[in-house]
Amino acid sequence: MKQNKYDDPDFFQRYSQMPRSVDGLHAAGEWSVFRSLLPVLADKNVLDLGCGFGWHCRYAREQGARYVVGVDLSANMLARARSTTNDPAIEYRQTAIEDIDFAPGSFDVVISSLALHYVEQLETVYRKVYDCLTPGGAFVFSAEHPVFTAIATQDWYYDAAGNRLHWPVDHYQAEGIRQTHFLDNAVVKYHRTLATHINALVAAGFRITGAAEPKPSDEVLAAYPEMKDEVRRPIFLLLAAVKPGSK
């Protein structure tokens, strides 16, 4: 299923009001850790899967990337990305992540931020990423953490007074579709275990070089106190891998 929820006007309007949509990478609680997993981007060709508003594409160019391609299925996302990008070395393409078809060795680095939990054919995507990377190329991505996606409600357990008691985890081993609600809209996501992510990367040929389950930094918590409960359970999974070999 190739879901294009971000072209729904109501959903897109709500998404556009989120802190990370307004303030960019610095409002993303996981950004400092994601950035630490990235290789040197100077003089690299970079691919961003699910590029959204293009924040990571522009960051890559700020770090000296030679050429950046951002792909996204949403016309709304790409229109916003193009309107805030003035750089001929950044190209935005409208396509589903599952449908990428780049020549072998096209990119030195592939990144993806919070998009892969919308993708059904994850193993296919990992193989395509591997194929389009140069030997020694890096793949760094974030996705919603399996602890977060296991139950479709994706919500806390509350007491009678509405206090957040704990985050429930159930049906963890039952991988597949989750009919969730996000920004007051029905959204389809895909739950996978941590082992599935790791084994799929290894099966595609990658060597895993790093992993993180970040919490918001003190700076982010100070700026966005509503995120205070995000330190109580992991919401994001970050993995970094390389394609063995050298140029």
Foldseek 3Di string as FASTA:
>chain_A
DQDAVCQPVLVVVLVCPDPCNVVNLVLDQCNVVLVVQDDQLAQWEEEEAQCFLVRVVVVSVVSHHQAYEYEEQYPVRVVNNVVPDDDPRYHYDHDHLLPDDAAFQQTQEYEYEADCQQDDPNLSSLLRVLRNHDAFGKYKYKHWALQQPQAQASDADADPVGDGDGRDHDNSVVWAWRQHADSNDTGIGTHDHPVVVVVSNVVSQKDWDDKDQGGGDPVSCVVPVVSVCCVRDGTMIMTMIGHHDDD
